[in-house]
Amino acid sequence: MTHTITAANIAQMNPLDVHALYELRVEVFINEHQAPYKEIDSTDADSRTIHLLAWDDATRTLDGTARIFPSTFEGADVIQFGRFAIAKKARGTGLGAQIMEAALRLAEATAPGQSVFLNARTPLVDYYSGYGFDKCGEPFEESRIPHQPMILRRNRSGAGY
């Protein structure tokens, strides 16, 4: 199974790609995780938000997604990573790592030297630690799911992932 990863903001995507994006996120976050939060938000439509889309080369179906966007943490500008979702059929194939690495490269290209912030579901803290993220802040619950804020600190020379 091979994938092509594209990156675009919502305005650059065609309607069927936007539909596929929301269909995958609803399946993963609402149906699987049973997290009843607002899945479509204003961050999605912000022109500075970049959606990464992993398309199965054989079937042209969307198997994974994530988004990055400018944010702040403790008064500093950061790039925030989130809405990371992989379709069931593509889990365990390495697609998650491909999307994560593409997102970190894109974050560095978009905002050189800026740290990357995310809110990890607690069971995934070790996964994100493998990319250099450290715990920061107190754990919290969102939609009854425990989360841990994490940050990948980079210096202005781009060191870090």
N, C-alpha and C. Protein backbone atom coordinates (compact mmCIF):
# COMPACT_ATOMS: atom_id res chain seq x y z
N MET A 1 0.86 -1.17 0.00
CA MET A 1 0.00 0.00 0.00
C MET A 1 0.90 1.24 0.00
N THR A 2 0.83 2.02 -1.05
CA THR A 2 1.60 3.27 -1.11
C THR A 2 0.63 4.45 -1.11
N HIS A 3 1.15 5.57 -0.63
CA HIS A 3 0.33 6.77 -0.49
C HIS A 3 1.05 7.99 -1.03
N THR A 4 0.26 8.93 -1.49
CA THR A 4 0.76 10.25 -1.85
C THR A 4 0.19 11.22 -0.84
N ILE A 5 1.08 12.02 -0.24
CA ILE A 5 0.64 13.01 0.74
C ILE A 5 0.63 14.38 0.09
N THR A 6 -0.53 15.03 0.16
CA THR A 6 -0.67 16.38 -0.36
C THR A 6 -0.90 17.32 0.81
N ALA A 7 -0.66 18.60 0.56
CA ALA A 7 -0.85 19.62 1.60
C ALA A 7 -1.56 20.81 0.97
N ALA A 8 -2.62 21.27 1.62
CA ALA A 8 -3.39 22.39 1.08
C ALA A 8 -4.26 22.98 2.17
N ASN A 9 -4.65 24.25 1.97
CA ASN A 9 -5.69 24.78 2.85
C ASN A 9 -7.04 24.47 2.21
N ILE A 10 -8.09 24.65 2.97
CA ILE A 10 -9.44 24.28 2.50
C ILE A 10 -9.78 24.95 1.17
N ALA A 11 -9.42 26.22 1.02
CA ALA A 11 -9.76 26.95 -0.21
C ALA A 11 -9.10 26.34 -1.44
N GLN A 12 -7.99 25.64 -1.27
CA GLN A 12 -7.28 25.03 -2.39
C GLN A 12 -7.79 23.62 -2.71
N MET A 13 -8.65 23.08 -1.87
CA MET A 13 -9.14 21.72 -2.05
C MET A 13 -10.45 21.71 -2.84
N ASN A 14 -10.66 20.65 -3.61
CA ASN A 14 -11.95 20.54 -4.30
C ASN A 14 -12.99 20.00 -3.31
N PRO A 15 -14.27 20.19 -3.61
CA PRO A 15 -15.32 19.78 -2.66
C PRO A 15 -15.28 18.30 -2.28
N LEU A 16 -14.93 17.42 -3.21
CA LEU A 16 -14.89 16.00 -2.88
C LEU A 16 -13.74 15.67 -1.93
N ASP A 17 -12.62 16.39 -2.05
CA ASP A 17 -11.51 16.19 -1.12
C ASP A 17 -11.89 16.67 0.28
N VAL A 18 -12.58 17.80 0.37
CA VAL A 18 -13.05 18.30 1.67
C VAL A 18 -14.02 17.28 2.28
N HIS A 19 -14.90 16.75 1.46
CA HIS A 19 -15.84 15.73 1.94
C HIS A 19 -15.09 14.51 2.48
N ALA A 20 -14.08 14.04 1.76
CA ALA A 20 -13.29 12.89 2.20
C ALA A 20 -12.58 13.19 3.52
N LEU A 21 -12.07 14.41 3.65
CA LEU A 21 -11.39 14.83 4.89
C LEU A 21 -12.34 14.71 6.07
N TYR A 22 -13.52 15.32 5.95
CA TYR A 22 -14.47 15.29 7.06
C TYR A 22 -15.03 13.89 7.30
N GLU A 23 -15.22 13.13 6.25
CA GLU A 23 -15.72 11.76 6.41
C GLU A 23 -14.74 10.93 7.23
N LEU A 24 -13.44 11.04 6.94
CA LEU A 24 -12.43 10.29 7.69
C LEU A 24 -12.37 10.76 9.14
N ARG A 25 -12.36 12.06 9.36
CA ARG A 25 -12.28 12.57 10.73
C ARG A 25 -13.52 12.19 11.55
N VAL A 26 -14.69 12.25 10.96
CA VAL A 26 -15.90 11.84 11.69
C VAL A 26 -15.82 10.35 12.03
N GLU A 27 -15.39 9.54 11.08
CA GLU A 27 -15.27 8.10 11.34
C GLU A 27 -14.33 7.83 12.52
N VAL A 28 -13.15 8.46 12.50
CA VAL A 28 -12.16 8.19 13.55
C VAL A 28 -12.54 8.85 14.87
N PHE A 29 -12.77 10.15 14.85
CA PHE A 29 -12.95 10.87 16.12
C PHE A 29 -14.34 10.69 16.73
N ILE A 30 -15.37 10.71 15.94
CA ILE A 30 -16.72 10.65 16.49
C ILE A 30 -17.20 9.20 16.61
N ASN A 31 -17.08 8.42 15.54
CA ASN A 31 -17.58 7.05 15.59
C ASN A 31 -16.68 6.12 16.40
N GLU A 32 -15.36 6.12 16.13
CA GLU A 32 -14.47 5.21 16.84
C GLU A 32 -14.18 5.67 18.27
N HIS A 33 -13.78 6.93 18.41
CA HIS A 33 -13.41 7.43 19.74
C HIS A 33 -14.61 7.88 20.56
N GLN A 34 -15.75 7.96 19.91
CA GLN A 34 -16.99 8.42 20.55
C GLN A 34 -16.77 9.75 21.27
N ALA A 35 -16.11 10.66 20.56
CA ALA A 35 -15.83 11.99 21.09
C ALA A 35 -16.82 12.97 20.47
N PRO A 36 -17.85 13.34 21.22
CA PRO A 36 -18.91 14.17 20.65
C PRO A 36 -18.59 15.66 20.63
N TYR A 37 -17.46 16.02 20.01
CA TYR A 37 -17.16 17.45 19.91
C TYR A 37 -17.35 17.92 18.49
N LYS A 38 -17.38 19.21 18.35
CA LYS A 38 -17.59 19.83 17.04
C LYS A 38 -16.41 19.49 16.12
N GLU A 39 -16.64 18.66 15.15
CA GLU A 39 -15.54 18.20 14.29
C GLU A 39 -15.14 19.23 13.24
N ILE A 40 -16.07 20.00 12.75
CA ILE A 40 -15.75 21.04 11.77
C ILE A 40 -15.66 22.35 12.55
N ASP A 41 -14.50 22.99 12.49
CA ASP A 41 -14.32 24.22 13.25
C ASP A 41 -13.72 25.33 12.38
N SER A 42 -13.65 26.52 12.93
CA SER A 42 -13.16 27.67 12.16
C SER A 42 -11.67 27.54 11.83
N THR A 43 -10.93 26.75 12.60
CA THR A 43 -9.51 26.55 12.29
C THR A 43 -9.35 25.88 10.94
N ASP A 44 -10.25 24.95 10.61
CA ASP A 44 -10.18 24.26 9.32
C ASP A 44 -10.18 25.24 8.15
N ALA A 45 -11.02 26.26 8.23
CA ALA A 45 -11.19 27.19 7.11
C ALA A 45 -10.20 28.34 7.11
N ASP A 46 -9.42 28.49 8.17
CA ASP A 46 -8.43 29.57 8.23
C ASP A 46 -7.41 29.36 7.11
N SER A 47 -7.11 30.40 6.38
CA SER A 47 -6.19 30.28 5.24
C SER A 47 -4.79 29.86 5.66
N ARG A 48 -4.45 30.01 6.94
CA ARG A 48 -3.11 29.62 7.43
C ARG A 48 -3.05 28.15 7.86
N THR A 49 -4.20 27.49 7.93
CA THR A 49 -4.24 26.08 8.31
C THR A 49 -3.92 25.23 7.08
N ILE A 50 -2.97 24.32 7.25
CA ILE A 50 -2.58 23.43 6.16
C ILE A 50 -3.00 22.01 6.54
N HIS A 51 -3.79 21.40 5.68
CA HIS A 51 -4.26 20.03 5.88
C HIS A 51 -3.35 19.09 5.08
N LEU A 52 -2.85 18.07 5.74
CA LEU A 52 -2.09 17.03 5.06
C LEU A 52 -3.05 15.88 4.78
N LEU A 53 -3.07 15.42 3.56
CA LEU A 53 -3.99 14.37 3.13
C LEU A 53 -3.19 13.23 2.51
N ALA A 54 -3.36 12.03 3.03
CA ALA A 54 -2.64 10.85 2.52
C ALA A 54 -3.60 10.00 1.70
N TRP A 55 -3.38 10.01 0.39
CA TRP A 55 -4.25 9.32 -0.57
C TRP A 55 -3.65 7.98 -0.95
N ASP A 56 -4.44 6.92 -0.88
CA ASP A 56 -4.02 5.60 -1.33
C ASP A 56 -3.81 5.68 -2.85
N ASP A 57 -2.61 5.34 -3.30
CA ASP A 57 -2.29 5.46 -4.72
C ASP A 57 -3.13 4.52 -5.59
N ALA A 58 -3.53 3.37 -5.07
CA ALA A 58 -4.28 2.41 -5.88
C ALA A 58 -5.77 2.75 -5.95
N THR A 59 -6.34 3.18 -4.83
CA THR A 59 -7.79 3.38 -4.78
C THR A 59 -8.21 4.84 -4.78
N ARG A 60 -7.26 5.73 -4.57
CA ARG A 60 -7.51 7.18 -4.48
C ARG A 60 -8.47 7.51 -3.32
N THR A 61 -8.43 6.68 -2.27
CA THR A 61 -9.21 6.98 -1.08
C THR A 61 -8.30 7.66 -0.05
N LEU A 62 -8.91 8.48 0.79
CA LEU A 62 -8.16 9.18 1.83
C LEU A 62 -7.97 8.24 3.01
N ASP A 63 -6.71 7.92 3.32
CA ASP A 63 -6.40 7.00 4.41
C ASP A 63 -5.84 7.69 5.64
N GLY A 64 -5.45 8.95 5.53
CA GLY A 64 -4.89 9.62 6.70
C GLY A 64 -4.90 11.12 6.52
N THR A 65 -4.89 11.82 7.64
CA THR A 65 -4.89 13.28 7.60
C THR A 65 -4.33 13.85 8.90
N ALA A 66 -3.91 15.08 8.83
CA ALA A 66 -3.51 15.88 9.99
C ALA A 66 -3.57 17.33 9.54
N ARG A 67 -3.47 18.23 10.49
CA ARG A 67 -3.42 19.65 10.11
C ARG A 67 -2.40 20.36 10.98
N ILE A 68 -1.83 21.42 10.43
CA ILE A 68 -0.95 22.30 11.19
C ILE A 68 -1.43 23.73 10.99
N PHE A 69 -1.21 24.56 12.01
CA PHE A 69 -1.65 25.95 11.92
C PHE A 69 -0.91 26.78 12.96
N PRO A 70 -0.77 28.09 12.71
CA PRO A 70 -0.11 28.96 13.68
C PRO A 70 -0.95 29.09 14.95
N SER A 71 -0.27 29.09 16.09
CA SER A 71 -0.95 29.22 17.37
C SER A 71 0.04 29.85 18.36
N THR A 72 -0.32 29.87 19.63
CA THR A 72 0.60 30.33 20.67
C THR A 72 0.56 29.34 21.83
N PHE A 73 1.68 29.26 22.52
CA PHE A 73 1.78 28.47 23.74
C PHE A 73 2.68 29.22 24.69
N GLU A 74 2.17 29.50 25.89
CA GLU A 74 2.90 30.26 26.90
C GLU A 74 3.45 31.56 26.33
N GLY A 75 2.66 32.23 25.51
CA GLY A 75 3.03 33.53 24.96
C GLY A 75 3.96 33.49 23.76
N ALA A 76 4.38 32.31 23.35
CA ALA A 76 5.30 32.19 22.21
C ALA A 76 4.53 31.67 20.99
N ASP A 77 4.95 32.13 19.81
CA ASP A 77 4.37 31.61 18.58
C ASP A 77 4.82 30.16 18.38
N VAL A 78 3.89 29.31 18.02
CA VAL A 78 4.17 27.91 17.74
C VAL A 78 3.36 27.49 16.51
N ILE A 79 3.70 26.34 15.99
CA ILE A 79 2.86 25.67 15.00
C ILE A 79 2.14 24.56 15.76
N GLN A 80 0.83 24.53 15.65
CA GLN A 80 0.07 23.49 16.34
C GLN A 80 -0.27 22.37 15.36
N PHE A 81 -0.10 21.15 15.84
CA PHE A 81 -0.38 19.94 15.08
C PHE A 81 -1.63 19.30 15.67
N GLY A 82 -2.53 18.83 14.81
CA GLY A 82 -3.71 18.18 15.35
C GLY A 82 -4.55 17.48 14.30
N ARG A 83 -5.68 16.98 14.76
CA ARG A 83 -6.65 16.25 13.93
C ARG A 83 -5.95 15.16 13.10
N PHE A 84 -5.05 14.43 13.77
CA PHE A 84 -4.26 13.37 13.17
C PHE A 84 -5.12 12.11 13.18
N ALA A 85 -5.48 11.62 12.01
CA ALA A 85 -6.37 10.47 11.91
C ALA A 85 -5.91 9.53 10.80
N ILE A 86 -5.95 8.24 11.09
CA ILE A 86 -5.59 7.21 10.12
C ILE A 86 -6.78 6.25 10.00
N ALA A 87 -7.18 5.94 8.78
CA ALA A 87 -8.25 4.97 8.55
C ALA A 87 -7.83 3.60 9.08
N LYS A 88 -8.79 2.84 9.58
CA LYS A 88 -8.49 1.52 10.15
C LYS A 88 -7.66 0.67 9.21
N LYS A 89 -8.02 0.65 7.92
CA LYS A 89 -7.34 -0.23 6.97
C LYS A 89 -5.88 0.14 6.75
N ALA A 90 -5.49 1.37 7.13
CA ALA A 90 -4.12 1.82 6.90
C ALA A 90 -3.27 1.83 8.17
N ARG A 91 -3.85 1.46 9.30
CA ARG A 91 -3.09 1.44 10.55
C ARG A 91 -2.09 0.29 10.53
N GLY A 92 -0.92 0.54 11.10
CA GLY A 92 0.11 -0.47 11.15
C GLY A 92 0.92 -0.58 9.88
N THR A 93 0.72 0.34 8.94
CA THR A 93 1.43 0.29 7.65
C THR A 93 2.59 1.28 7.58
N GLY A 94 2.74 2.11 8.62
CA GLY A 94 3.76 3.16 8.58
C GLY A 94 3.22 4.48 8.06
N LEU A 95 1.95 4.52 7.70
CA LEU A 95 1.38 5.77 7.18
C LEU A 95 1.38 6.87 8.22
N GLY A 96 1.11 6.53 9.47
CA GLY A 96 1.13 7.54 10.53
C GLY A 96 2.48 8.23 10.61
N ALA A 97 3.55 7.46 10.55
CA ALA A 97 4.90 8.04 10.58
C ALA A 97 5.14 8.93 9.36
N GLN A 98 4.66 8.50 8.20
CA GLN A 98 4.84 9.32 6.99
C GLN A 98 4.14 10.67 7.14
N ILE A 99 2.92 10.65 7.67
CA ILE A 99 2.18 11.90 7.85
C ILE A 99 2.86 12.77 8.91
N MET A 100 3.26 12.16 10.02
CA MET A 100 3.91 12.91 11.10
C MET A 100 5.19 13.57 10.58
N GLU A 101 6.01 12.83 9.88
CA GLU A 101 7.26 13.38 9.35
C GLU A 101 6.99 14.47 8.33
N ALA A 102 5.99 14.28 7.48
CA ALA A 102 5.64 15.32 6.50
C ALA A 102 5.15 16.58 7.21
N ALA A 103 4.36 16.41 8.26
CA ALA A 103 3.86 17.57 9.00
C ALA A 103 5.00 18.34 9.67
N LEU A 104 5.95 17.62 10.25
CA LEU A 104 7.07 18.29 10.91
C LEU A 104 7.97 19.00 9.91
N ARG A 105 8.18 18.40 8.75
CA ARG A 105 8.96 19.08 7.70
C ARG A 105 8.23 20.32 7.22
N LEU A 106 6.92 20.20 7.02
CA LEU A 106 6.13 21.34 6.56
C LEU A 106 6.10 22.45 7.61
N ALA A 107 6.00 22.09 8.87
CA ALA A 107 6.02 23.08 9.94
C ALA A 107 7.35 23.84 9.93
N GLU A 108 8.44 23.13 9.74
CA GLU A 108 9.76 23.78 9.70
C GLU A 108 9.88 24.67 8.47
N ALA A 109 9.37 24.22 7.34
CA ALA A 109 9.44 25.04 6.12
C ALA A 109 8.55 26.27 6.23
N THR A 110 7.42 26.13 6.90
CA THR A 110 6.46 27.22 7.04
C THR A 110 6.91 28.25 8.07
N ALA A 111 7.47 27.78 9.17
CA ALA A 111 7.88 28.66 10.28
C ALA A 111 9.20 28.16 10.84
N PRO A 112 10.31 28.43 10.14
CA PRO A 112 11.61 27.91 10.56
C PRO A 112 11.94 28.23 12.02
N GLY A 113 12.34 27.19 12.75
CA GLY A 113 12.76 27.37 14.13
C GLY A 113 11.64 27.43 15.14
N GLN A 114 10.40 27.52 14.69
CA GLN A 114 9.29 27.59 15.65
C GLN A 114 9.01 26.21 16.24
N SER A 115 8.69 26.21 17.51
CA SER A 115 8.32 24.96 18.18
C SER A 115 6.98 24.46 17.66
N VAL A 116 6.76 23.16 17.83
CA VAL A 116 5.51 22.53 17.40
C VAL A 116 4.80 22.03 18.66
N PHE A 117 3.53 22.38 18.79
CA PHE A 117 2.73 22.06 19.96
C PHE A 117 1.60 21.11 19.56
N LEU A 118 1.23 20.21 20.46
CA LEU A 118 0.07 19.34 20.22
C LEU A 118 -0.54 18.92 21.54
N ASN A 119 -1.77 18.48 21.48
CA ASN A 119 -2.46 17.88 22.63
C ASN A 119 -2.62 16.40 22.32
N ALA A 120 -1.77 15.58 22.95
CA ALA A 120 -1.76 14.14 22.68
C ALA A 120 -2.81 13.43 23.51
N ARG A 121 -3.51 12.49 22.89
CA ARG A 121 -4.30 11.57 23.70
C ARG A 121 -3.29 10.83 24.57
N THR A 122 -3.60 10.67 25.84
CA THR A 122 -2.64 10.14 26.81
C THR A 122 -1.98 8.83 26.36
N PRO A 123 -2.68 7.87 25.76
CA PRO A 123 -1.99 6.65 25.34
C PRO A 123 -0.94 6.87 24.24
N LEU A 124 -0.94 8.04 23.61
CA LEU A 124 0.01 8.30 22.51
C LEU A 124 1.20 9.15 22.93
N VAL A 125 1.35 9.42 24.22
CA VAL A 125 2.46 10.26 24.68
C VAL A 125 3.80 9.66 24.25
N ASP A 126 3.99 8.36 24.42
CA ASP A 126 5.26 7.74 24.03
C ASP A 126 5.49 7.83 22.53
N TYR A 127 4.44 7.71 21.74
CA TYR A 127 4.56 7.84 20.29
C TYR A 127 5.14 9.20 19.93
N TYR A 128 4.56 10.26 20.48
CA TYR A 128 5.03 11.61 20.17
C TYR A 128 6.41 11.88 20.78
N SER A 129 6.70 11.27 21.92
CA SER A 129 8.04 11.41 22.51
C SER A 129 9.10 10.90 21.55
N GLY A 130 8.76 9.89 20.77
CA GLY A 130 9.69 9.34 19.79
C GLY A 130 10.08 10.34 18.71
N TYR A 131 9.31 11.40 18.55
CA TYR A 131 9.63 12.47 17.59
C TYR A 131 10.27 13.67 18.28
N GLY A 132 10.56 13.53 19.58
CA GLY A 132 11.22 14.61 20.30
C GLY A 132 10.29 15.51 21.09
N PHE A 133 9.00 15.20 21.13
CA PHE A 133 8.06 16.01 21.91
C PHE A 133 8.23 15.71 23.39
N ASP A 134 8.10 16.76 24.21
CA ASP A 134 8.15 16.65 25.67
C ASP A 134 6.81 17.08 26.25
N LYS A 135 6.45 16.48 27.38
CA LYS A 135 5.25 16.91 28.09
C LYS A 135 5.41 18.36 28.52
N CYS A 136 4.33 19.11 28.45
CA CYS A 136 4.32 20.49 28.93
C CYS A 136 2.91 20.77 29.42
N GLY A 137 2.77 21.39 30.53
CA GLY A 137 1.43 21.65 31.03
C GLY A 137 0.81 20.44 31.69
N GLU A 138 -0.38 20.66 32.20
CA GLU A 138 -1.09 19.63 32.95
C GLU A 138 -2.01 18.81 32.04
N PRO A 139 -2.14 17.53 32.33
CA PRO A 139 -3.10 16.71 31.59
C PRO A 139 -4.51 17.27 31.75
N PHE A 140 -5.36 17.02 30.77
CA PHE A 140 -6.74 17.50 30.81
C PHE A 140 -7.62 16.52 30.04
N GLU A 141 -8.92 16.67 30.20
CA GLU A 141 -9.86 15.85 29.44
C GLU A 141 -10.59 16.70 28.42
N GLU A 142 -10.73 16.15 27.22
CA GLU A 142 -11.53 16.77 26.18
C GLU A 142 -12.48 15.69 25.66
N SER A 143 -13.76 15.96 25.73
CA SER A 143 -14.78 14.97 25.32
C SER A 143 -14.57 13.63 26.03
N ARG A 144 -14.26 13.70 27.32
CA ARG A 144 -14.06 12.52 28.17
C ARG A 144 -12.82 11.71 27.80
N ILE A 145 -11.92 12.27 26.99
CA ILE A 145 -10.70 11.58 26.59
C ILE A 145 -9.51 12.32 27.21
N PRO A 146 -8.66 11.62 28.00
CA PRO A 146 -7.51 12.29 28.61
C PRO A 146 -6.46 12.69 27.57
N HIS A 147 -5.96 13.91 27.72
CA HIS A 147 -4.94 14.46 26.82
C HIS A 147 -3.77 15.02 27.63
N GLN A 148 -2.63 15.08 26.98
CA GLN A 148 -1.42 15.66 27.57
C GLN A 148 -0.84 16.66 26.58
N PRO A 149 -0.72 17.94 26.97
CA PRO A 149 -0.03 18.90 26.10
C PRO A 149 1.43 18.49 25.93
N MET A 150 1.95 18.64 24.72
CA MET A 150 3.34 18.30 24.42
C MET A 150 3.91 19.33 23.46
N ILE A 151 5.23 19.49 23.52
CA ILE A 151 5.88 20.46 22.64
C ILE A 151 7.20 19.90 22.12
N LEU A 152 7.48 20.19 20.88
CA LEU A 152 8.77 19.91 20.26
C LEU A 152 9.46 21.26 20.14
N ARG A 153 10.42 21.49 21.03
CA ARG A 153 11.10 22.79 21.05
C ARG A 153 12.21 22.81 20.00
N ARG A 154 12.19 23.84 19.21
CA ARG A 154 13.22 24.03 18.19
C ARG A 154 13.88 25.37 18.44
N ASN A 155 15.14 25.45 18.09
CA ASN A 155 15.77 26.77 18.18
C ASN A 155 15.64 27.44 16.82
N ARG A 156 15.96 28.67 16.76
CA ARG A 156 15.76 29.43 15.52
C ARG A 156 16.63 28.96 14.37
N SER A 157 17.61 28.11 14.63
CA SER A 157 18.42 27.59 13.52
C SER A 157 17.77 26.37 12.88
N GLY A 158 16.60 25.98 13.43
CA GLY A 158 15.89 24.85 12.84
C GLY A 158 16.25 23.52 13.46
N ALA A 159 17.08 23.53 14.51
CA ALA A 159 17.42 22.27 15.16
C ALA A 159 16.16 21.66 15.76
N GLY A 160 16.16 20.41 15.90
CA GLY A 160 14.96 19.68 16.29
C GLY A 160 14.58 18.84 15.10
N TYR A 161 13.52 18.14 15.17
CA TYR A 161 13.17 17.18 14.13
C TYR A 161 13.47 17.66 12.75
